[in-house]
Amino acid sequence: MPRDDDDDDRPRRARRRREEDDDEEEDERPRRKRRRRDDDDDDETDATGGVIPYKNGKALAAYYCGVFSLIPVLGCVLGVVAIVLGVLGLQYASQHPRARGKGHAVTGIVLGLFGPFVVMGVIAAVLALSKK
C-alpha cells in the first residue's frame, strides 16, 4: 500500500521535471512552425517564384504553342493546338486552384486565335510590297 507522502510528492516532482525540460529547451534553436500539407498537393518551395505554372502542363503547352503559332508555316496547326490546350488548361486551373496557369492558358488562346492572322497579314504585306 503506497504511503500518503508519496502521493503528495508526485505532482510536485512532475512539475519540477517539466520546468527542467523547459529550461533545457530554451538553450536550443527555436522551433519552426510546420506548414500543413494537403493530401493531393505538395508544398515544395517554388524556384520559379510562381511565374511558370509547372503544375498545369496544359496551360504551359498552350502558351508555347501560341507563341510558336507566330511562325508562318506552323501557325495554322499550332494555333488550333494552342486554343484546345488553352481551354483545357483553364478548366484544370479552375478545378485545381493551386495549379495556377490561367494567364498562360488565356495567352495561348489569344495567340492561337490571332497568331495565324497576324502571320498572314505580314506575309500579305510583304507580297504586296514586293510586287510594286
N, C-alpha and C. Protein backbone atom coordinates (compact mmCIF):
# COMPACT_ATOMS: atom_id res chain seq x y z
N MET A 1 0.83 -1.17 0.00
CA MET A 1 0.00 0.00 0.00
C MET A 1 0.89 1.24 0.00
N PRO A 2 0.65 2.18 -0.94
CA PRO A 2 1.51 3.37 -1.01
C PRO A 2 1.25 4.31 0.14
N ARG A 3 2.30 5.02 0.48
CA ARG A 3 2.15 5.98 1.56
C ARG A 3 1.54 7.26 1.03
N ASP A 4 0.90 7.99 1.88
CA ASP A 4 0.27 9.25 1.50
C ASP A 4 1.31 10.31 1.13
N ASP A 5 2.51 10.20 1.72
CA ASP A 5 3.56 11.18 1.44
C ASP A 5 3.95 11.10 -0.05
N ASP A 6 4.04 9.88 -0.60
CA ASP A 6 4.44 9.71 -2.00
C ASP A 6 3.41 10.31 -2.94
N ASP A 7 2.13 10.19 -2.61
CA ASP A 7 1.08 10.74 -3.46
C ASP A 7 1.18 12.26 -3.53
N ASP A 8 1.55 12.88 -2.41
CA ASP A 8 1.66 14.34 -2.39
C ASP A 8 2.87 14.83 -3.18
N ASP A 9 3.94 14.06 -3.20
CA ASP A 9 5.17 14.46 -3.88
C ASP A 9 5.09 14.27 -5.40
N ARG A 10 4.26 13.39 -5.89
CA ARG A 10 4.21 13.10 -7.32
C ARG A 10 3.91 14.33 -8.18
N PRO A 11 2.88 15.09 -7.89
CA PRO A 11 2.61 16.27 -8.73
C PRO A 11 3.75 17.29 -8.68
N ARG A 12 4.34 17.44 -7.50
CA ARG A 12 5.44 18.39 -7.34
C ARG A 12 6.65 17.94 -8.14
N ARG A 13 6.97 16.63 -8.11
CA ARG A 13 8.11 16.11 -8.87
C ARG A 13 7.87 16.24 -10.38
N ALA A 14 6.66 15.97 -10.82
CA ALA A 14 6.34 16.08 -12.25
C ALA A 14 6.47 17.52 -12.71
N ARG A 15 6.01 18.45 -11.89
CA ARG A 15 6.10 19.87 -12.24
C ARG A 15 7.57 20.30 -12.32
N ARG A 16 8.37 19.83 -11.39
CA ARG A 16 9.79 20.16 -11.38
C ARG A 16 10.48 19.60 -12.62
N ARG A 17 10.13 18.36 -13.02
CA ARG A 17 10.70 17.75 -14.23
C ARG A 17 10.35 18.58 -15.48
N ARG A 18 9.09 19.04 -15.55
CA ARG A 18 8.67 19.85 -16.69
C ARG A 18 9.43 21.17 -16.74
N GLU A 19 9.65 21.79 -15.60
CA GLU A 19 10.39 23.05 -15.55
C GLU A 19 11.83 22.84 -15.98
N GLU A 20 12.44 21.72 -15.60
CA GLU A 20 13.81 21.43 -16.02
C GLU A 20 13.87 21.21 -17.53
N ASP A 21 12.88 20.51 -18.06
CA ASP A 21 12.83 20.29 -19.51
C ASP A 21 12.67 21.61 -20.26
N ASP A 22 11.84 22.51 -19.72
CA ASP A 22 11.64 23.82 -20.35
C ASP A 22 12.93 24.61 -20.36
N ASP A 23 13.71 24.55 -19.28
CA ASP A 23 14.99 25.27 -19.21
C ASP A 23 15.96 24.74 -20.26
N GLU A 24 15.99 23.44 -20.47
CA GLU A 24 16.89 22.85 -21.46
C GLU A 24 16.48 23.24 -22.88
N GLU A 25 15.19 23.33 -23.14
CA GLU A 25 14.72 23.66 -24.49
C GLU A 25 15.00 25.11 -24.86
N GLU A 26 15.11 26.00 -23.89
CA GLU A 26 15.37 27.40 -24.18
C GLU A 26 16.75 27.59 -24.78
N ASP A 27 17.70 26.72 -24.45
CA ASP A 27 19.05 26.83 -24.97
C ASP A 27 19.15 26.37 -26.42
N GLU A 28 18.21 25.57 -26.87
CA GLU A 28 18.26 25.04 -28.23
C GLU A 28 17.74 26.07 -29.22
N ARG A 29 17.92 25.77 -30.52
CA ARG A 29 17.41 26.66 -31.56
C ARG A 29 15.90 26.75 -31.48
N PRO A 30 15.34 27.88 -31.87
CA PRO A 30 13.88 27.99 -31.86
C PRO A 30 13.27 27.05 -32.88
N ARG A 31 12.13 26.52 -32.55
CA ARG A 31 11.46 25.58 -33.44
C ARG A 31 10.74 26.34 -34.54
N ARG A 32 10.72 25.73 -35.70
CA ARG A 32 9.99 26.32 -36.83
C ARG A 32 8.57 25.80 -36.82
N LYS A 33 7.67 26.63 -37.28
CA LYS A 33 6.29 26.19 -37.40
C LYS A 33 6.18 25.27 -38.60
N ARG A 34 5.49 24.20 -38.43
CA ARG A 34 5.29 23.27 -39.54
C ARG A 34 4.10 23.72 -40.36
N ARG A 35 4.28 23.69 -41.68
CA ARG A 35 3.18 24.04 -42.56
C ARG A 35 2.35 22.81 -42.86
N ARG A 36 1.05 23.02 -42.89
CA ARG A 36 0.14 21.92 -43.16
C ARG A 36 0.11 21.63 -44.64
N ARG A 37 0.18 20.37 -44.99
CA ARG A 37 0.18 19.97 -46.39
C ARG A 37 -1.15 19.34 -46.75
N ASP A 38 -1.58 19.62 -47.97
CA ASP A 38 -2.77 18.95 -48.48
C ASP A 38 -2.37 17.56 -48.94
N ASP A 39 -3.32 16.64 -48.93
CA ASP A 39 -3.01 15.27 -49.33
C ASP A 39 -2.66 15.15 -50.80
N ASP A 40 -3.35 15.91 -51.65
CA ASP A 40 -3.15 15.75 -53.10
C ASP A 40 -2.11 16.70 -53.66
N ASP A 41 -1.56 17.61 -52.86
CA ASP A 41 -0.67 18.61 -53.40
C ASP A 41 0.48 18.85 -52.43
N ASP A 42 1.71 18.79 -52.93
CA ASP A 42 2.85 19.02 -52.05
C ASP A 42 3.20 20.49 -52.03
N ASP A 43 3.74 20.95 -50.90
CA ASP A 43 4.06 22.36 -50.72
C ASP A 43 5.56 22.60 -50.84
N GLU A 44 6.16 22.13 -51.90
CA GLU A 44 7.58 22.37 -52.10
C GLU A 44 7.79 23.84 -52.42
N THR A 45 8.97 24.33 -52.12
CA THR A 45 9.25 25.71 -52.46
C THR A 45 9.38 25.81 -53.97
N ASP A 46 8.85 26.86 -54.52
CA ASP A 46 8.80 27.05 -55.96
C ASP A 46 9.98 27.89 -56.39
N ALA A 47 10.94 27.30 -57.08
CA ALA A 47 12.13 28.02 -57.51
C ALA A 47 11.82 29.06 -58.57
N THR A 48 10.70 28.90 -59.25
CA THR A 48 10.34 29.86 -60.30
C THR A 48 9.59 31.06 -59.76
N GLY A 49 9.29 31.07 -58.49
CA GLY A 49 8.57 32.18 -57.90
C GLY A 49 7.11 32.22 -58.29
N GLY A 50 6.59 31.12 -58.77
CA GLY A 50 5.18 31.06 -59.16
C GLY A 50 4.91 31.61 -60.55
N VAL A 51 5.96 31.96 -61.30
CA VAL A 51 5.78 32.54 -62.63
C VAL A 51 5.44 31.47 -63.66
N ILE A 52 6.08 30.32 -63.57
CA ILE A 52 5.85 29.24 -64.53
C ILE A 52 4.90 28.22 -63.89
N PRO A 53 3.74 28.00 -64.50
CA PRO A 53 2.77 27.07 -63.90
C PRO A 53 3.11 25.62 -64.22
N TYR A 54 4.14 25.09 -63.57
CA TYR A 54 4.60 23.74 -63.89
C TYR A 54 3.60 22.67 -63.46
N LYS A 55 2.65 23.03 -62.60
CA LYS A 55 1.64 22.05 -62.18
C LYS A 55 0.47 21.99 -63.16
N ASN A 56 0.41 22.91 -64.11
CA ASN A 56 -0.64 22.93 -65.11
C ASN A 56 0.03 22.87 -66.48
N GLY A 57 0.37 21.67 -66.89
CA GLY A 57 1.10 21.46 -68.14
C GLY A 57 0.31 21.87 -69.37
N LYS A 58 -1.01 21.74 -69.31
CA LYS A 58 -1.82 22.10 -70.48
C LYS A 58 -1.76 23.60 -70.74
N ALA A 59 -1.82 24.39 -69.69
CA ALA A 59 -1.73 25.84 -69.84
C ALA A 59 -0.36 26.25 -70.34
N LEU A 60 0.67 25.61 -69.83
CA LEU A 60 2.03 25.93 -70.25
C LEU A 60 2.25 25.55 -71.71
N ALA A 61 1.74 24.38 -72.12
CA ALA A 61 1.85 23.95 -73.52
C ALA A 61 1.04 24.87 -74.43
N ALA A 62 -0.12 25.34 -73.97
CA ALA A 62 -0.92 26.27 -74.76
C ALA A 62 -0.15 27.57 -74.99
N TYR A 63 0.52 28.04 -73.99
CA TYR A 63 1.31 29.26 -74.11
C TYR A 63 2.40 29.11 -75.17
N TYR A 64 3.17 28.03 -75.07
CA TYR A 64 4.25 27.83 -76.03
C TYR A 64 3.73 27.57 -77.44
N CYS A 65 2.64 26.83 -77.56
CA CYS A 65 2.06 26.62 -78.90
C CYS A 65 1.56 27.94 -79.47
N GLY A 66 1.00 28.78 -78.63
CA GLY A 66 0.54 30.09 -79.08
C GLY A 66 1.69 30.97 -79.54
N VAL A 67 2.79 30.94 -78.80
CA VAL A 67 3.96 31.74 -79.20
C VAL A 67 4.52 31.21 -80.52
N PHE A 68 4.63 29.89 -80.64
CA PHE A 68 5.19 29.32 -81.87
C PHE A 68 4.20 29.34 -83.03
N SER A 69 2.94 29.69 -82.76
CA SER A 69 1.99 29.82 -83.86
C SER A 69 2.28 31.08 -84.68
N LEU A 70 3.18 31.91 -84.21
CA LEU A 70 3.59 33.09 -84.96
C LEU A 70 4.57 32.74 -86.08
N ILE A 71 5.04 31.52 -86.12
CA ILE A 71 5.92 31.05 -87.20
C ILE A 71 5.03 30.76 -88.41
N PRO A 72 5.37 31.29 -89.57
CA PRO A 72 4.46 31.22 -90.72
C PRO A 72 3.93 29.83 -91.09
N VAL A 73 4.75 28.83 -91.26
CA VAL A 73 4.26 27.53 -91.72
C VAL A 73 3.52 26.78 -90.62
N LEU A 74 4.02 26.87 -89.42
CA LEU A 74 3.43 26.14 -88.29
C LEU A 74 2.23 26.85 -87.68
N GLY A 75 2.00 28.10 -88.04
CA GLY A 75 0.99 28.93 -87.38
C GLY A 75 -0.40 28.35 -87.35
N CYS A 76 -0.87 27.81 -88.48
CA CYS A 76 -2.25 27.32 -88.53
C CYS A 76 -2.44 26.09 -87.65
N VAL A 77 -1.49 25.19 -87.68
CA VAL A 77 -1.61 23.96 -86.89
C VAL A 77 -1.45 24.26 -85.40
N LEU A 78 -0.40 24.99 -85.06
CA LEU A 78 -0.14 25.28 -83.65
C LEU A 78 -1.18 26.22 -83.06
N GLY A 79 -1.81 27.05 -83.87
CA GLY A 79 -2.87 27.92 -83.38
C GLY A 79 -4.05 27.12 -82.87
N VAL A 80 -4.44 26.10 -83.61
CA VAL A 80 -5.55 25.24 -83.18
C VAL A 80 -5.18 24.47 -81.91
N VAL A 81 -3.96 23.94 -81.89
CA VAL A 81 -3.50 23.20 -80.71
C VAL A 81 -3.47 24.13 -79.48
N ALA A 82 -3.03 25.37 -79.67
CA ALA A 82 -2.96 26.32 -78.56
C ALA A 82 -4.34 26.63 -78.01
N ILE A 83 -5.33 26.74 -78.90
CA ILE A 83 -6.70 27.03 -78.44
C ILE A 83 -7.24 25.86 -77.63
N VAL A 84 -7.07 24.65 -78.13
CA VAL A 84 -7.58 23.47 -77.43
C VAL A 84 -6.90 23.30 -76.07
N LEU A 85 -5.58 23.39 -76.06
CA LEU A 85 -4.85 23.23 -74.79
C LEU A 85 -5.15 24.38 -73.83
N GLY A 86 -5.37 25.57 -74.36
CA GLY A 86 -5.71 26.71 -73.50
C GLY A 86 -7.03 26.51 -72.78
N VAL A 87 -8.02 26.01 -73.51
CA VAL A 87 -9.33 25.75 -72.88
C VAL A 87 -9.19 24.66 -71.83
N LEU A 88 -8.46 23.60 -72.15
CA LEU A 88 -8.24 22.52 -71.17
C LEU A 88 -7.46 23.01 -69.95
N GLY A 89 -6.49 23.89 -70.20
CA GLY A 89 -5.70 24.46 -69.10
C GLY A 89 -6.54 25.35 -68.19
N LEU A 90 -7.47 26.12 -68.78
CA LEU A 90 -8.38 26.93 -67.97
C LEU A 90 -9.29 26.06 -67.11
N GLN A 91 -9.79 24.99 -67.68
CA GLN A 91 -10.64 24.08 -66.91
C GLN A 91 -9.87 23.46 -65.76
N TYR A 92 -8.64 23.03 -66.03
CA TYR A 92 -7.82 22.41 -64.99
C TYR A 92 -7.51 23.42 -63.88
N ALA A 93 -7.20 24.66 -64.27
CA ALA A 93 -6.87 25.69 -63.27
C ALA A 93 -8.07 26.04 -62.41
N SER A 94 -9.27 25.99 -62.97
CA SER A 94 -10.45 26.29 -62.16
C SER A 94 -10.79 25.13 -61.22
N GLN A 95 -10.47 23.91 -61.62
CA GLN A 95 -10.72 22.74 -60.76
C GLN A 95 -9.65 22.59 -59.69
N HIS A 96 -8.42 23.01 -60.00
CA HIS A 96 -7.29 22.90 -59.07
C HIS A 96 -6.65 24.27 -58.91
N PRO A 97 -7.15 25.11 -58.03
CA PRO A 97 -6.66 26.49 -57.91
C PRO A 97 -5.17 26.60 -57.60
N ARG A 98 -4.62 25.62 -56.93
CA ARG A 98 -3.19 25.69 -56.59
C ARG A 98 -2.30 25.43 -57.78
N ALA A 99 -2.87 24.88 -58.85
CA ALA A 99 -2.08 24.60 -60.05
C ALA A 99 -1.74 25.87 -60.80
N ARG A 100 -2.60 26.87 -60.70
CA ARG A 100 -2.41 28.17 -61.36
C ARG A 100 -2.36 28.01 -62.87
N GLY A 101 -1.91 29.03 -63.60
CA GLY A 101 -1.73 28.94 -65.03
C GLY A 101 -2.84 29.52 -65.88
N LYS A 102 -3.78 30.25 -65.27
CA LYS A 102 -4.86 30.83 -66.07
C LYS A 102 -4.32 31.86 -67.07
N GLY A 103 -3.35 32.63 -66.66
CA GLY A 103 -2.76 33.63 -67.55
C GLY A 103 -2.09 33.01 -68.76
N HIS A 104 -1.36 31.93 -68.52
CA HIS A 104 -0.71 31.23 -69.63
C HIS A 104 -1.75 30.63 -70.58
N ALA A 105 -2.82 30.09 -70.02
CA ALA A 105 -3.86 29.49 -70.85
C ALA A 105 -4.55 30.54 -71.71
N VAL A 106 -4.88 31.68 -71.11
CA VAL A 106 -5.53 32.75 -71.87
C VAL A 106 -4.59 33.31 -72.94
N THR A 107 -3.33 33.48 -72.61
CA THR A 107 -2.35 33.94 -73.60
C THR A 107 -2.24 32.96 -74.75
N GLY A 108 -2.25 31.67 -74.45
CA GLY A 108 -2.21 30.66 -75.51
C GLY A 108 -3.43 30.72 -76.41
N ILE A 109 -4.60 30.94 -75.80
CA ILE A 109 -5.83 31.04 -76.60
C ILE A 109 -5.78 32.27 -77.51
N VAL A 110 -5.39 33.41 -76.94
CA VAL A 110 -5.35 34.66 -77.73
C VAL A 110 -4.34 34.56 -78.86
N LEU A 111 -3.14 34.07 -78.55
CA LEU A 111 -2.13 33.92 -79.60
C LEU A 111 -2.55 32.87 -80.62
N GLY A 112 -3.22 31.82 -80.16
CA GLY A 112 -3.71 30.80 -81.09
C GLY A 112 -4.76 31.34 -82.04
N LEU A 113 -5.60 32.26 -81.54
CA LEU A 113 -6.63 32.86 -82.39
C LEU A 113 -6.05 33.88 -83.37
N PHE A 114 -5.20 34.76 -82.86
CA PHE A 114 -4.74 35.87 -83.68
C PHE A 114 -3.38 35.64 -84.34
N GLY A 115 -2.61 34.70 -83.84
CA GLY A 115 -1.28 34.45 -84.41
C GLY A 115 -1.30 34.15 -85.89
N PRO A 116 -2.09 33.20 -86.37
CA PRO A 116 -2.11 32.92 -87.81
C PRO A 116 -2.58 34.11 -88.64
N PHE A 117 -3.51 34.91 -88.12
CA PHE A 117 -3.97 36.08 -88.86
C PHE A 117 -2.88 37.14 -88.95
N VAL A 118 -2.13 37.30 -87.88
CA VAL A 118 -1.02 38.25 -87.90
C VAL A 118 0.04 37.80 -88.90
N VAL A 119 0.36 36.51 -88.89
CA VAL A 119 1.36 35.98 -89.82
C VAL A 119 0.88 36.16 -91.26
N MET A 120 -0.41 35.84 -91.52
CA MET A 120 -0.94 36.00 -92.89
C MET A 120 -0.93 37.48 -93.30
N GLY A 121 -1.21 38.38 -92.38
CA GLY A 121 -1.16 39.81 -92.68
C GLY A 121 0.24 40.27 -93.01
N VAL A 122 1.22 39.79 -92.28
CA VAL A 122 2.61 40.16 -92.55
C VAL A 122 3.04 39.61 -93.91
N ILE A 123 2.67 38.37 -94.19
CA ILE A 123 3.03 37.77 -95.48
C ILE A 123 2.36 38.54 -96.63
N ALA A 124 1.08 38.89 -96.44
CA ALA A 124 0.37 39.64 -97.48
C ALA A 124 1.00 41.00 -97.69
N ALA A 125 1.43 41.66 -96.62
CA ALA A 125 2.07 42.97 -96.74
C ALA A 125 3.41 42.86 -97.46
N VAL A 126 4.17 41.83 -97.14
CA VAL A 126 5.47 41.64 -97.80
C VAL A 126 5.26 41.35 -99.28
N LEU A 127 4.26 40.51 -99.62
CA LEU A 127 4.00 40.22 -101.04
C LEU A 127 3.51 41.45 -101.79
N ALA A 128 2.70 42.26 -101.13
CA ALA A 128 2.19 43.47 -101.78
C ALA A 128 3.32 44.47 -102.02
N LEU A 129 4.23 44.58 -101.07
CA LEU A 129 5.37 45.49 -101.25
C LEU A 129 6.35 44.96 -102.29
N SER A 130 6.48 43.67 -102.41
CA SER A 130 7.44 43.12 -103.37
C SER A 130 6.94 43.24 -104.81
N LYS A 131 5.62 43.34 -105.03
CA LYS A 131 5.06 43.46 -106.37
C LYS A 131 5.18 44.90 -106.91
N LYS A 132 5.40 45.86 -106.07
CA LYS A 132 5.47 47.26 -106.51
C LYS A 132 6.74 47.54 -107.15
